[in-house]
Amino acid sequence: MSHGERLETLLGALLAGSHRGPAEELVRQLTDLYGEGLTRIVGTLRDHAPASVGAIAADDVVASLLVLHDLHPLDAPARVRRALDRIRPQVGAVGFRGIDDGVVRLSLGAGRGCSSAARATVEAAVRDAAPELTGVEVVAEAVLYQIGMGPPGTTPEGRAS
């Protein structure tokens, strides 16, 4: 179970009881506190070691915290493109079409394996890279077949070439 999943489970248990208000306030205060700390750390790094901000953002856990506090050095389109580059060997051709009103638009070509599995992999990668987006729209591209006049190696008149 990931850190995020454990936190969700614990918060769910706290929020179900009579301690909901104080639990929510505690979470808000802690989030604000470490958010302010991260803001100061990233500011210092940008001033004294700008390349290190990109280096720490390459770590998935750190990247998720930077995104949460709007401190990630890459914007959402760049993070989505990077995520797609990482999964392309698994899913085949996947294209970035843009982001409109918080929804990322992607195209998924005829690739490897099951298209529903590829779609799920793409959606998960995008959600992980840019959780602030509100949706993922994946459009499967049509498979195009070339229709010839005869078997390969023949002329249009049907003679061997």
C-alpha atoms as a PDB file:
ATOM      1  CA  MET A   1       0.000   0.000   0.000  1.00  0.00           C
ATOM      2  CA  SER A   2       1.420   3.404  -0.965  1.00  0.00           C
ATOM      3  CA  HIS A   3       1.807   6.366   1.397  1.00  0.00           C
ATOM      4  CA  GLY A   4      -1.137   8.083  -0.269  1.00  0.00           C
ATOM      5  CA  GLU A   5      -3.377   5.033   0.089  1.00  0.00           C
ATOM      6  CA  ARG A   6      -2.463   4.655   3.775  1.00  0.00           C
ATOM      7  CA  LEU A   7      -3.190   8.331   4.392  1.00  0.00           C
ATOM      8  CA  GLU A   8      -6.558   8.066   2.662  1.00  0.00           C
ATOM      9  CA  THR A   9      -7.475   5.050   4.780  1.00  0.00           C
ATOM     10  CA  LEU A  10      -6.482   6.783   8.024  1.00  0.00           C
ATOM     11  CA  LEU A  11      -8.254  10.006   7.091  1.00  0.00           C
ATOM     12  CA  GLY A  12     -11.357   8.082   6.102  1.00  0.00           C
ATOM     13  CA  ALA A  13     -11.441   6.462   9.523  1.00  0.00           C
ATOM     14  CA  LEU A  14     -10.961   9.795  11.295  1.00  0.00           C
ATOM     15  CA  LEU A  15     -13.477  11.641   9.167  1.00  0.00           C
ATOM     16  CA  ALA A  16     -16.176   9.023   9.728  1.00  0.00           C
ATOM     17  CA  GLY A  17     -16.394   9.750  13.445  1.00  0.00           C
ATOM     18  CA  SER A  18     -17.194  12.764  15.562  1.00  0.00           C
ATOM     19  CA  HIS A  19     -13.651  14.082  15.094  1.00  0.00           C
ATOM     20  CA  ARG A  20     -14.235  15.107  11.497  1.00  0.00           C
ATOM     21  CA  GLY A  21     -13.849  18.880  11.985  1.00  0.00           C
ATOM     22  CA  PRO A  22     -10.635  18.751  14.023  1.00  0.00           C
ATOM     23  CA  ALA A  23      -9.179  16.070  11.720  1.00  0.00           C
ATOM     24  CA  GLU A  24      -9.837  18.193   8.616  1.00  0.00           C
ATOM     25  CA  GLU A  25      -8.300  21.242  10.308  1.00  0.00           C
ATOM     26  CA  LEU A  26      -5.242  19.213  11.335  1.00  0.00           C
ATOM     27  CA  VAL A  27      -4.738  18.024   7.767  1.00  0.00           C
ATOM     28  CA  ARG A  28      -5.133  21.602   6.464  1.00  0.00           C
ATOM     29  CA  GLN A  29      -2.630  22.979   8.963  1.00  0.00           C
ATOM     30  CA  LEU A  30      -0.053  20.248   8.297  1.00  0.00           C
ATOM     31  CA  THR A  31      -0.444  20.658   4.543  1.00  0.00           C
ATOM     32  CA  ASP A  32       0.027  24.418   4.834  1.00  0.00           C
ATOM     33  CA  LEU A  33       3.081  23.951   7.070  1.00  0.00           C
ATOM     34  CA  TYR A  34       4.957  21.552   4.827  1.00  0.00           C
ATOM     35  CA  GLY A  35       3.800  23.521   1.776  1.00  0.00           C
ATOM     36  CA  GLU A  36       5.439  26.654   3.185  1.00  0.00           C
ATOM     37  CA  GLY A  37       8.574  24.639   3.950  1.00  0.00           C
ATOM     38  CA  LEU A  38       8.693  23.270   0.406  1.00  0.00           C
ATOM     39  CA  THR A  39       8.159  26.750  -1.017  1.00  0.00           C
ATOM     40  CA  ARG A  40      11.190  28.016   0.914  1.00  0.00           C
ATOM     41  CA  ILE A  41      13.333  25.011  -0.072  1.00  0.00           C
ATOM     42  CA  VAL A  42      12.461  25.328  -3.759  1.00  0.00           C
ATOM     43  CA  GLY A  43      13.047  29.101  -3.625  1.00  0.00           C
ATOM     44  CA  THR A  44      16.499  28.609  -2.122  1.00  0.00           C
ATOM     45  CA  LEU A  45      17.356  25.933  -4.679  1.00  0.00           C
ATOM     46  CA  ARG A  46      16.204  28.157  -7.558  1.00  0.00           C
ATOM     47  CA  ASP A  47      18.418  30.955  -6.251  1.00  0.00           C
ATOM     48  CA  HIS A  48      21.539  28.880  -5.545  1.00  0.00           C
ATOM     49  CA  ALA A  49      21.308  25.634  -7.540  1.00  0.00           C
ATOM     50  CA  PRO A  50      18.637  25.963 -10.263  1.00  0.00           C
ATOM     51  CA  ALA A  51      19.416  22.599 -11.888  1.00  0.00           C
ATOM     52  CA  SER A  52      18.715  20.800  -8.629  1.00  0.00           C
ATOM     53  CA  VAL A  53      15.019  21.738  -8.758  1.00  0.00           C
ATOM     54  CA  GLY A  54      14.611  19.631 -11.899  1.00  0.00           C
ATOM     55  CA  ALA A  55      16.644  16.849 -10.327  1.00  0.00           C
ATOM     56  CA  ILE A  56      14.472  16.603  -7.220  1.00  0.00           C
ATOM     57  CA  ALA A  57      11.317  16.871  -9.327  1.00  0.00           C
ATOM     58  CA  ALA A  58      12.366  13.689 -11.136  1.00  0.00           C
ATOM     59  CA  ASP A  59      11.533  11.701  -7.989  1.00  0.00           C
ATOM     60  CA  ASP A  60       7.873  10.588  -8.121  1.00  0.00           C
ATOM     61  CA  VAL A  61       7.108  11.266  -4.450  1.00  0.00           C
ATOM     62  CA  VAL A  62       8.803  14.678  -4.441  1.00  0.00           C
ATOM     63  CA  ALA A  63       7.150  15.541  -7.767  1.00  0.00           C
ATOM     64  CA  SER A  64       3.699  14.805  -6.335  1.00  0.00           C
ATOM     65  CA  LEU A  65       4.379  17.147  -3.397  1.00  0.00           C
ATOM     66  CA  LEU A  66       5.674  19.869  -5.721  1.00  0.00           C
ATOM     67  CA  VAL A  67       2.562  19.554  -7.895  1.00  0.00           C
ATOM     68  CA  LEU A  68       0.294  19.691  -4.845  1.00  0.00           C
ATOM     69  CA  HIS A  69       1.822  23.034  -3.868  1.00  0.00           C
ATOM     70  CA  ASP A  70       2.171  24.394  -7.428  1.00  0.00           C
ATOM     71  CA  LEU A  71       5.970  24.310  -7.200  1.00  0.00           C
ATOM     72  CA  HIS A  72       6.827  21.786  -9.912  1.00  0.00           C
ATOM     73  CA  PRO A  73       9.289  23.246 -12.432  1.00  0.00           C
ATOM     74  CA  LEU A  74       7.400  21.719 -15.383  1.00  0.00           C
ATOM     75  CA  ASP A  75       3.900  22.737 -16.422  1.00  0.00           C
ATOM     76  CA  ALA A  76       1.143  20.150 -16.853  1.00  0.00           C
ATOM     77  CA  PRO A  77       1.626  19.674 -20.640  1.00  0.00           C
ATOM     78  CA  ALA A  78       5.346  19.008 -20.180  1.00  0.00           C
ATOM     79  CA  ARG A  79       4.686  16.535 -17.351  1.00  0.00           C
ATOM     80  CA  VAL A  80       2.060  14.734 -19.438  1.00  0.00           C
ATOM     81  CA  ARG A  81       4.416  14.502 -22.425  1.00  0.00           C
ATOM     82  CA  ARG A  82       7.176  13.120 -20.189  1.00  0.00           C
ATOM     83  CA  ALA A  83       4.790  10.512 -18.746  1.00  0.00           C
ATOM     84  CA  LEU A  84       3.713   9.478 -22.250  1.00  0.00           C
ATOM     85  CA  ASP A  85       7.350   9.101 -23.287  1.00  0.00           C
ATOM     86  CA  ARG A  86       7.891   6.718 -20.352  1.00  0.00           C
ATOM     87  CA  ILE A  87       4.950   4.451 -21.209  1.00  0.00           C
ATOM     88  CA  ARG A  88       5.241   4.470 -24.996  1.00  0.00           C
ATOM     89  CA  PRO A  89       7.298   1.220 -25.011  1.00  0.00           C
ATOM     90  CA  GLN A  90       4.365  -0.483 -23.232  1.00  0.00           C
ATOM     91  CA  VAL A  91       1.402   1.008 -25.081  1.00  0.00           C
ATOM     92  CA  GLY A  92       2.751   1.909 -28.511  1.00  0.00           C
ATOM     93  CA  ALA A  93       1.737   5.068 -30.314  1.00  0.00           C
ATOM     94  CA  VAL A  94       0.162   7.629 -28.018  1.00  0.00           C
ATOM     95  CA  GLY A  95      -0.078  11.278 -28.972  1.00  0.00           C
ATOM     96  CA  PHE A  96      -0.624  14.444 -26.969  1.00  0.00           C
ATOM     97  CA  ARG A  97      -3.374  16.598 -28.514  1.00  0.00           C
ATOM     98  CA  GLY A  98      -3.583  19.307 -25.859  1.00  0.00           C
ATOM     99  CA  ILE A  99      -5.319  20.339 -22.656  1.00  0.00           C
ATOM    100  CA  ASP A 100      -8.654  22.157 -22.682  1.00  0.00           C
ATOM    101  CA  ASP A 101     -10.464  23.204 -19.506  1.00  0.00           C
ATOM    102  CA  GLY A 102      -8.434  20.765 -17.409  1.00  0.00           C
ATOM    103  CA  VAL A 103      -9.045  17.782 -19.696  1.00  0.00           C
ATOM    104  CA  VAL A 104      -6.044  16.303 -21.496  1.00  0.00           C
ATOM    105  CA  ARG A 105      -6.768  15.015 -25.000  1.00  0.00           C
ATOM    106  CA  LEU A 106      -4.711  12.082 -26.274  1.00  0.00           C
ATOM    107  CA  SER A 107      -4.714   9.776 -29.264  1.00  0.00           C
ATOM    108  CA  LEU A 108      -3.957   6.102 -28.938  1.00  0.00           C
ATOM    109  CA  GLY A 109      -2.831   4.279 -32.047  1.00  0.00           C
ATOM    110  CA  ALA A 110      -2.968   0.595 -32.777  1.00  0.00           C
ATOM    111  CA  GLY A 111      -0.230  -0.580 -30.467  1.00  0.00           C
ATOM    112  CA  ARG A 112       0.762  -3.521 -28.391  1.00  0.00           C
ATOM    113  CA  GLY A 113      -1.684  -5.668 -26.493  1.00  0.00           C
ATOM    114  CA  CYS A 114      -5.231  -4.971 -25.363  1.00  0.00           C
ATOM    115  CA  SER A 115      -6.522  -1.482 -26.122  1.00  0.00           C
ATOM    116  CA  SER A 116      -8.428  -1.287 -22.812  1.00  0.00           C
ATOM    117  CA  ALA A 117      -5.240  -2.148 -20.905  1.00  0.00           C
ATOM    118  CA  ALA A 118      -3.302   0.438 -22.927  1.00  0.00           C
ATOM    119  CA  ARG A 119      -5.984   3.032 -22.243  1.00  0.00           C
ATOM    120  CA  ALA A 120      -5.884   2.280 -18.498  1.00  0.00           C
ATOM    121  CA  THR A 121      -2.078   2.551 -18.495  1.00  0.00           C
ATOM    122  CA  VAL A 122      -2.224   5.899 -20.309  1.00  0.00           C
ATOM    123  CA  GLU A 123      -4.897   7.298 -17.993  1.00  0.00           C
ATOM    124  CA  ALA A 124      -3.001   6.222 -14.858  1.00  0.00           C
ATOM    125  CA  ALA A 125       0.268   7.731 -16.135  1.00  0.00           C
ATOM    126  CA  VAL A 126      -1.440  11.044 -16.895  1.00  0.00           C
ATOM    127  CA  ARG A 127      -3.211  11.147 -13.511  1.00  0.00           C
ATOM    128  CA  ASP A 128       0.078  10.470 -11.721  1.00  0.00           C
ATOM    129  CA  ALA A 129       1.963  13.112 -13.716  1.00  0.00           C
ATOM    130  CA  ALA A 130      -0.689  15.831 -13.567  1.00  0.00           C
ATOM    131  CA  PRO A 131      -3.228  15.160 -10.808  1.00  0.00           C
ATOM    132  CA  GLU A 132      -4.564  18.695 -11.098  1.00  0.00           C
ATOM    133  CA  LEU A 133      -6.165  17.824 -14.447  1.00  0.00           C
ATOM    134  CA  THR A 134      -9.853  16.978 -14.226  1.00  0.00           C
ATOM    135  CA  GLY A 135     -10.046  14.351 -16.963  1.00  0.00           C
ATOM    136  CA  VAL A 136      -8.361  12.311 -19.652  1.00  0.00           C
ATOM    137  CA  GLU A 137      -9.931  11.890 -23.070  1.00  0.00           C
ATOM    138  CA  VAL A 138      -8.338   9.090 -25.074  1.00  0.00           C
ATOM    139  CA  VAL A 139      -9.366   8.678 -28.699  1.00  0.00           C
ATOM    140  CA  ALA A 140      -8.322   5.494 -30.457  1.00  0.00           C
ATOM    141  CA  GLU A 141      -7.021   6.190 -33.915  1.00  0.00           C
ATOM    142  CA  ALA A 142      -8.488   4.116 -36.709  1.00  0.00           C
ATOM    143  CA  VAL A 143      -6.297   1.430 -38.183  1.00  0.00           C
ATOM    144  CA  LEU A 144      -5.656   2.165 -41.838  1.00  0.00           C
ATOM    145  CA  TYR A 145      -5.185  -0.667 -44.242  1.00  0.00           C
ATOM    146  CA  GLN A 146      -3.617  -0.295 -47.664  1.00  0.00           C
ATOM    147  CA  ILE A 147      -5.682  -1.951 -50.343  1.00  0.00           C
ATOM    148  CA  GLY A 148      -3.783  -2.911 -53.457  1.00  0.00           C
ATOM    149  CA  MET A 149      -4.851  -4.170 -56.845  1.00  0.00           C
ATOM    150  CA  GLY A 150      -3.318  -7.604 -56.378  1.00  0.00           C
ATOM    151  CA  PRO A 151      -0.970  -9.649 -54.267  1.00  0.00           C
ATOM    152  CA  PRO A 152       2.354  -8.054 -53.332  1.00  0.00           C
ATOM    153  CA  GLY A 153       4.882  -8.228 -56.139  1.00  0.00           C
ATOM    154  CA  THR A 154       2.380  -7.904 -58.995  1.00  0.00           C
ATOM    155  CA  THR A 155       1.581  -5.093 -61.393  1.00  0.00           C
ATOM    156  CA  PRO A 156      -1.925  -3.564 -61.571  1.00  0.00           C
ATOM    157  CA  GLU A 157      -2.608  -5.882 -64.497  1.00  0.00           C
ATOM    158  CA  GLY A 158      -1.877  -8.919 -62.259  1.00  0.00           C
ATOM    159  CA  ARG A 159       1.504  -9.819 -63.772  1.00  0.00           C
ATOM    160  CA  ALA A 160       4.530 -10.647 -61.630  1.00  0.00           C
ATOM    161  CA  SER A 161       6.893  -7.710 -61.274  1.00  0.00           C
END
